[in-house]
């Protein structure tokens, strides 16, 4: 482990010493959130490499997070089966 990383860890530990148990739990929750963001980014990179053109289910991945129009509920058949 690099010296700089150890300095960061020591600083975090020192800061934790002054926090209440509740605040420490919030810090732990935040760390989990940060890790989940990294995991999600990794999944999105994998999805980007898939060929979604010929797979209806793969073609709607992420549609809820996409830009307008947010119309999946109204047009789910169109997205799943193509233009009817």
Protein backbone atom coordinates (compact mmCIF):
# COMPACT_ATOMS: atom_id res chain seq x y z
CA UNK A 1 0.00 0.00 0.00
CA UNK A 2 1.38 3.40 -0.91
CA UNK A 3 2.36 5.89 1.75
CA UNK A 4 -0.15 8.42 0.47
CA UNK A 5 -3.01 5.91 0.74
CA UNK A 6 -1.98 5.12 4.30
CA UNK A 7 -2.01 8.83 5.10
CA UNK A 8 -5.59 9.06 3.81
CA UNK A 9 -6.68 6.04 5.83
CA UNK A 10 -5.06 7.37 8.98
CA UNK A 11 -6.77 10.72 8.47
CA UNK A 12 -10.16 9.02 8.02
CA UNK A 13 -9.62 6.94 11.16
CA UNK A 14 -8.65 10.03 13.12
CA UNK A 15 -11.80 11.83 11.95
CA UNK A 16 -13.96 8.83 12.90
CA UNK A 17 -12.69 8.94 16.48
CA UNK A 18 -14.62 12.16 17.13
CA UNK A 19 -17.94 10.95 15.68
CA UNK A 20 -20.91 9.43 17.45
CA UNK A 21 -21.94 5.85 16.69
CA UNK A 22 -24.85 7.17 14.61
CA UNK A 23 -22.54 9.36 12.51
CA UNK A 24 -20.14 6.45 12.01
CA UNK A 25 -23.05 4.38 10.72
CA UNK A 26 -23.83 7.20 8.26
CA UNK A 27 -20.21 7.14 7.09
CA UNK A 28 -20.44 3.36 6.58
CA UNK A 29 -23.67 3.81 4.60
CA UNK A 30 -22.00 6.47 2.46
CA UNK A 31 -19.06 4.18 1.75
CA UNK A 32 -21.53 1.51 0.63
CA UNK A 33 -23.18 4.06 -1.64
CA UNK A 34 -19.84 4.99 -3.21
CA UNK A 35 -18.99 1.32 -3.80
CA UNK A 36 -22.39 0.66 -5.38
CA UNK A 37 -21.86 3.58 -7.77
CA UNK A 38 -18.59 2.00 -8.92
CA UNK A 39 -20.32 -1.36 -9.35
CA UNK A 40 -23.11 0.24 -11.38
CA UNK A 41 -20.60 1.99 -13.62
CA UNK A 42 -18.90 -1.34 -14.24
CA UNK A 43 -22.20 -2.95 -15.21
CA UNK A 44 -23.04 -0.08 -17.55
CA UNK A 45 -19.70 -0.52 -19.32
CA UNK A 46 -20.46 -4.22 -19.81
CA UNK A 47 -23.94 -3.43 -21.13
CA UNK A 48 -22.51 -0.94 -23.61
CA UNK A 49 -20.50 -3.74 -25.21
CA UNK A 50 -23.52 -6.02 -25.76
CA UNK A 51 -25.29 -6.18 -29.10
CA UNK A 52 -28.77 -4.96 -28.14
CA UNK A 53 -30.08 -4.52 -31.68
CA UNK A 54 -31.48 -8.04 -32.01
CA UNK A 55 -32.55 -8.54 -28.38
CA UNK A 56 -35.72 -6.75 -27.27
CA UNK A 57 -35.02 -7.14 -23.56
CA UNK A 58 -31.45 -5.90 -23.83
CA UNK A 59 -32.62 -2.96 -25.92
CA UNK A 60 -34.68 -1.52 -23.03
CA UNK A 61 -31.96 -1.75 -20.38
CA UNK A 62 -31.48 1.68 -18.85
CA UNK A 63 -34.51 3.23 -20.51
CA UNK A 64 -35.73 4.48 -17.14
CA UNK A 65 -32.51 6.45 -16.77
CA UNK A 66 -32.43 7.77 -20.30
CA UNK A 67 -33.28 11.21 -21.58
CA UNK A 68 -36.78 12.18 -22.66
CA UNK A 69 -39.19 10.88 -23.70
CA UNK A 70 -39.76 8.85 -20.52
CA UNK A 71 -42.59 6.82 -21.95
CA UNK A 72 -41.76 3.21 -21.14
CA UNK A 73 -45.02 2.64 -19.26
CA UNK A 74 -47.13 3.95 -22.13
CA UNK A 75 -45.15 2.28 -24.93
CA UNK A 76 -43.75 -0.88 -23.34
CA UNK A 77 -45.05 -3.10 -26.19
CA UNK A 78 -43.31 -0.90 -28.75
CA UNK A 79 -39.99 -1.23 -26.91
CA UNK A 80 -40.36 -4.95 -26.27
CA UNK A 81 -41.76 -6.03 -29.66
CA UNK A 82 -41.00 -3.16 -32.02
CA UNK A 83 -43.57 -1.10 -33.88
CA UNK A 84 -46.88 -2.94 -33.92
